[in-house]
Amino acid sequence: EAQLCGFLWRKRWLGQWAKQLFIVREHMLLCFRCAADLQPVLELDLRGCHVTYKAKRGKKMPHTLKVMGMAGEALVIGFQSRQQAEDWRKVWRCCS
């Protein structure tokens, strides 16, 4: 059962953005290329992760959250509004 899900922007190689499906289930953040995919392309354990918010005026992605996992992996996710970013950050904080 998912705690939160939605299509968000993931920062990819060389600064490109890709819209992908993100699901928070238990303590895991799962990322799928599309809703039809059965297997996630990325799994990140949210326990012990560190999340930072950054706002950038005039940029393509005005609000971002950077998620740093315990193993040093980093994931940057883009949002269109500060409220949307805050909603996701609250759920991730509860999982960690």
N, C-alpha and C. Protein backbone atom coordinates (compact mmCIF):
# COMPACT_ATOMS: atom_id res chain seq x y z
N GLU A 1 0.84 -1.18 0.00
CA GLU A 1 0.00 0.00 0.00
C GLU A 1 0.89 1.25 0.00
N ALA A 2 0.64 2.15 -0.93
CA ALA A 2 1.46 3.36 -1.07
C ALA A 2 1.02 4.43 -0.08
N GLN A 3 2.02 5.12 0.51
CA GLN A 3 1.74 6.25 1.39
C GLN A 3 1.55 7.53 0.59
N LEU A 4 2.26 7.62 -0.53
CA LEU A 4 2.20 8.80 -1.39
C LEU A 4 2.68 8.40 -2.77
N CYS A 5 2.05 8.92 -3.80
CA CYS A 5 2.53 8.64 -5.16
C CYS A 5 2.19 9.82 -6.06
N GLY A 6 2.97 9.97 -7.11
CA GLY A 6 2.73 11.05 -8.06
C GLY A 6 3.81 11.11 -9.11
N PHE A 7 3.51 11.81 -10.20
CA PHE A 7 4.49 12.03 -11.25
C PHE A 7 5.27 13.29 -10.91
N LEU A 8 6.58 13.12 -10.74
CA LEU A 8 7.47 14.21 -10.38
C LEU A 8 8.62 14.25 -11.38
N TRP A 9 9.41 15.30 -11.31
CA TRP A 9 10.55 15.46 -12.20
C TRP A 9 11.83 14.97 -11.52
N ARG A 10 12.56 14.10 -12.18
CA ARG A 10 13.82 13.57 -11.67
C ARG A 10 14.97 14.13 -12.50
N LYS A 11 15.96 14.69 -11.81
CA LYS A 11 17.13 15.23 -12.51
C LYS A 11 18.00 14.07 -12.97
N ARG A 12 18.27 14.05 -14.26
CA ARG A 12 19.01 12.96 -14.87
C ARG A 12 20.42 13.41 -15.22
N TRP A 13 21.08 12.56 -15.94
CA TRP A 13 22.44 12.80 -16.40
C TRP A 13 22.52 14.10 -17.18
N LEU A 14 23.54 14.89 -16.97
CA LEU A 14 23.81 16.15 -17.64
C LEU A 14 22.72 17.20 -17.44
N GLY A 15 22.04 17.13 -16.30
CA GLY A 15 21.07 18.15 -15.94
C GLY A 15 19.73 18.07 -16.63
N GLN A 16 19.46 17.00 -17.35
CA GLN A 16 18.17 16.84 -18.01
C GLN A 16 17.13 16.39 -16.99
N TRP A 17 15.87 16.78 -17.21
CA TRP A 17 14.77 16.40 -16.32
C TRP A 17 13.87 15.40 -17.02
N ALA A 18 13.43 14.38 -16.28
CA ALA A 18 12.51 13.37 -16.81
C ALA A 18 11.34 13.22 -15.84
N LYS A 19 10.13 13.23 -16.38
CA LYS A 19 8.95 13.05 -15.55
C LYS A 19 8.75 11.56 -15.31
N GLN A 20 8.74 11.16 -14.03
CA GLN A 20 8.64 9.76 -13.68
C GLN A 20 7.68 9.57 -12.51
N LEU A 21 7.20 8.35 -12.35
CA LEU A 21 6.28 8.03 -11.27
C LEU A 21 7.07 7.69 -10.01
N PHE A 22 6.76 8.39 -8.92
CA PHE A 22 7.39 8.13 -7.63
C PHE A 22 6.35 7.61 -6.65
N ILE A 23 6.73 6.58 -5.91
CA ILE A 23 5.85 5.98 -4.91
C ILE A 23 6.63 5.81 -3.61
N VAL A 24 6.02 6.22 -2.50
CA VAL A 24 6.59 5.95 -1.17
C VAL A 24 5.79 4.80 -0.59
N ARG A 25 6.48 3.70 -0.33
CA ARG A 25 5.84 2.51 0.24
C ARG A 25 6.70 2.07 1.43
N GLU A 26 6.08 2.07 2.62
CA GLU A 26 6.77 1.78 3.87
C GLU A 26 7.92 2.76 4.02
N HIS A 27 9.14 2.31 3.97
CA HIS A 27 10.30 3.20 4.12
C HIS A 27 11.10 3.32 2.83
N MET A 28 10.49 2.95 1.70
CA MET A 28 11.20 2.96 0.43
C MET A 28 10.60 3.98 -0.54
N LEU A 29 11.48 4.67 -1.26
CA LEU A 29 11.08 5.54 -2.36
C LEU A 29 11.34 4.76 -3.64
N LEU A 30 10.29 4.53 -4.41
CA LEU A 30 10.39 3.77 -5.65
C LEU A 30 10.15 4.72 -6.82
N CYS A 31 10.92 4.55 -7.88
CA CYS A 31 10.81 5.40 -9.06
C CYS A 31 10.60 4.50 -10.29
N PHE A 32 9.56 4.81 -11.06
CA PHE A 32 9.22 4.05 -12.26
C PHE A 32 9.25 4.99 -13.47
N ARG A 33 9.66 4.49 -14.62
CA ARG A 33 9.66 5.31 -15.84
C ARG A 33 8.24 5.71 -16.22
N CYS A 34 7.30 4.77 -16.06
CA CYS A 34 5.89 5.05 -16.37
C CYS A 34 5.01 4.18 -15.49
N ALA A 35 3.72 4.47 -15.47
CA ALA A 35 2.79 3.76 -14.60
C ALA A 35 2.64 2.29 -14.98
N ALA A 36 2.93 1.93 -16.23
CA ALA A 36 2.78 0.54 -16.68
C ALA A 36 3.95 -0.35 -16.25
N ASP A 37 5.07 0.24 -15.84
CA ASP A 37 6.23 -0.56 -15.44
C ASP A 37 5.92 -1.36 -14.18
N LEU A 38 6.39 -2.60 -14.16
CA LEU A 38 6.20 -3.46 -13.00
C LEU A 38 7.38 -3.38 -12.02
N GLN A 39 8.55 -3.11 -12.56
CA GLN A 39 9.75 -3.02 -11.73
C GLN A 39 10.26 -1.58 -11.69
N PRO A 40 10.62 -1.09 -10.49
CA PRO A 40 11.15 0.28 -10.41
C PRO A 40 12.54 0.38 -11.02
N VAL A 41 12.86 1.55 -11.57
CA VAL A 41 14.20 1.80 -12.10
C VAL A 41 15.12 2.27 -10.98
N LEU A 42 14.52 2.67 -9.86
CA LEU A 42 15.32 3.15 -8.73
C LEU A 42 14.58 2.85 -7.44
N GLU A 43 15.32 2.37 -6.44
CA GLU A 43 14.78 2.15 -5.10
C GLU A 43 15.72 2.82 -4.12
N LEU A 44 15.16 3.63 -3.22
CA LEU A 44 15.98 4.34 -2.24
C LEU A 44 15.37 4.14 -0.86
N ASP A 45 16.18 3.60 0.04
CA ASP A 45 15.74 3.41 1.42
C ASP A 45 15.75 4.78 2.10
N LEU A 46 14.59 5.20 2.59
CA LEU A 46 14.46 6.53 3.20
C LEU A 46 14.91 6.58 4.65
N ARG A 47 15.17 5.43 5.26
CA ARG A 47 15.62 5.42 6.66
C ARG A 47 17.02 6.05 6.75
N GLY A 48 17.12 7.08 7.54
CA GLY A 48 18.40 7.75 7.72
C GLY A 48 18.79 8.70 6.61
N CYS A 49 17.90 8.94 5.65
CA CYS A 49 18.25 9.84 4.55
C CYS A 49 18.18 11.30 5.01
N HIS A 50 18.85 12.15 4.26
CA HIS A 50 18.87 13.58 4.54
C HIS A 50 18.24 14.30 3.35
N VAL A 51 17.25 15.15 3.61
CA VAL A 51 16.52 15.84 2.55
C VAL A 51 16.72 17.35 2.69
N THR A 52 17.12 18.01 1.60
CA THR A 52 17.27 19.46 1.62
C THR A 52 16.43 20.08 0.50
N TYR A 53 15.85 21.22 0.81
CA TYR A 53 15.00 21.96 -0.13
C TYR A 53 15.80 23.12 -0.72
N LYS A 54 15.56 23.39 -2.02
CA LYS A 54 16.20 24.52 -2.67
C LYS A 54 15.22 25.16 -3.64
N ALA A 55 15.09 26.48 -3.57
CA ALA A 55 14.24 27.24 -4.50
C ALA A 55 15.13 28.02 -5.44
N LYS A 56 14.79 28.02 -6.74
CA LYS A 56 15.57 28.74 -7.74
C LYS A 56 14.62 29.53 -8.61
N ARG A 57 14.68 30.83 -8.51
CA ARG A 57 13.80 31.70 -9.31
C ARG A 57 14.23 31.69 -10.76
N GLY A 58 13.23 31.65 -11.64
CA GLY A 58 13.50 31.75 -13.07
C GLY A 58 14.07 30.50 -13.70
N LYS A 59 14.15 29.42 -12.98
CA LYS A 59 14.67 28.18 -13.54
C LYS A 59 13.53 27.29 -14.03
N LYS A 60 13.88 26.29 -14.84
CA LYS A 60 12.88 25.36 -15.35
C LYS A 60 12.19 24.62 -14.20
N MET A 61 12.96 24.27 -13.19
CA MET A 61 12.43 23.56 -12.04
C MET A 61 12.62 24.46 -10.82
N PRO A 62 11.59 25.23 -10.46
CA PRO A 62 11.75 26.25 -9.41
C PRO A 62 11.92 25.71 -7.99
N HIS A 63 11.49 24.47 -7.73
CA HIS A 63 11.59 23.91 -6.39
C HIS A 63 12.15 22.49 -6.49
N THR A 64 13.21 22.22 -5.72
CA THR A 64 13.81 20.89 -5.74
C THR A 64 14.06 20.39 -4.33
N LEU A 65 14.05 19.07 -4.23
CA LEU A 65 14.47 18.39 -3.01
C LEU A 65 15.62 17.47 -3.39
N LYS A 66 16.69 17.54 -2.60
CA LYS A 66 17.82 16.64 -2.81
C LYS A 66 17.77 15.61 -1.69
N VAL A 67 17.70 14.35 -2.07
CA VAL A 67 17.61 13.25 -1.11
C VAL A 67 18.95 12.53 -1.12
N MET A 68 19.62 12.53 0.04
CA MET A 68 20.90 11.82 0.18
C MET A 68 20.67 10.58 1.01
N GLY A 69 20.95 9.42 0.42
CA GLY A 69 20.79 8.15 1.11
C GLY A 69 21.97 7.85 2.02
N MET A 70 21.80 6.84 2.84
CA MET A 70 22.85 6.45 3.78
C MET A 70 24.12 5.95 3.07
N ALA A 71 23.96 5.37 1.89
CA ALA A 71 25.10 4.84 1.15
C ALA A 71 25.75 5.90 0.26
N GLY A 72 25.31 7.16 0.39
CA GLY A 72 25.91 8.25 -0.38
C GLY A 72 25.22 8.54 -1.70
N GLU A 73 24.18 7.77 -2.04
CA GLU A 73 23.48 8.03 -3.28
C GLU A 73 22.68 9.31 -3.16
N ALA A 74 22.61 10.06 -4.25
CA ALA A 74 21.89 11.34 -4.25
C ALA A 74 20.84 11.33 -5.35
N LEU A 75 19.70 11.91 -5.04
CA LEU A 75 18.60 12.00 -5.98
C LEU A 75 18.03 13.40 -5.88
N VAL A 76 17.87 14.08 -7.03
CA VAL A 76 17.29 15.42 -7.05
C VAL A 76 15.94 15.33 -7.75
N ILE A 77 14.90 15.79 -7.05
CA ILE A 77 13.54 15.71 -7.57
C ILE A 77 12.97 17.12 -7.66
N GLY A 78 12.33 17.43 -8.78
CA GLY A 78 11.80 18.76 -9.03
C GLY A 78 10.29 18.82 -8.84
N PHE A 79 9.84 19.98 -8.36
CA PHE A 79 8.42 20.22 -8.09
C PHE A 79 8.03 21.57 -8.69
N GLN A 80 6.76 21.72 -9.03
CA GLN A 80 6.27 22.98 -9.57
C GLN A 80 5.87 23.97 -8.48
N SER A 81 5.65 23.47 -7.25
CA SER A 81 5.26 24.38 -6.18
C SER A 81 6.00 24.02 -4.88
N ARG A 82 6.14 25.02 -4.04
CA ARG A 82 6.77 24.81 -2.74
C ARG A 82 5.92 23.88 -1.87
N GLN A 83 4.59 24.01 -1.97
CA GLN A 83 3.69 23.18 -1.18
C GLN A 83 3.82 21.71 -1.55
N GLN A 84 3.91 21.42 -2.83
CA GLN A 84 4.08 20.03 -3.27
C GLN A 84 5.39 19.46 -2.73
N ALA A 85 6.47 20.23 -2.80
CA ALA A 85 7.76 19.79 -2.28
C ALA A 85 7.67 19.54 -0.77
N GLU A 86 6.98 20.43 -0.06
CA GLU A 86 6.85 20.29 1.39
C GLU A 86 6.03 19.05 1.75
N ASP A 87 4.98 18.76 1.00
CA ASP A 87 4.17 17.57 1.25
C ASP A 87 5.01 16.30 1.14
N TRP A 88 5.84 16.22 0.11
CA TRP A 88 6.69 15.04 -0.07
C TRP A 88 7.76 14.98 1.01
N ARG A 89 8.32 16.13 1.37
CA ARG A 89 9.37 16.15 2.39
C ARG A 89 8.84 15.65 3.74
N LYS A 90 7.61 16.02 4.07
CA LYS A 90 6.99 15.57 5.32
C LYS A 90 6.86 14.05 5.37
N VAL A 91 6.42 13.46 4.26
CA VAL A 91 6.28 12.00 4.21
C VAL A 91 7.64 11.33 4.32
N TRP A 92 8.64 11.86 3.62
CA TRP A 92 9.98 11.27 3.69
C TRP A 92 10.56 11.38 5.09
N ARG A 93 10.29 12.49 5.76
CA ARG A 93 10.79 12.68 7.12
C ARG A 93 10.18 11.63 8.06
N CYS A 94 8.91 11.31 7.88
CA CYS A 94 8.25 10.30 8.70
C CYS A 94 8.81 8.90 8.48
N CYS A 95 9.31 8.66 7.26
CA CYS A 95 9.87 7.34 6.92
C CYS A 95 11.28 7.15 7.43
N SER A 96 11.98 8.24 7.65
CA SER A 96 13.40 8.12 8.01
C SER A 96 13.60 7.83 9.48
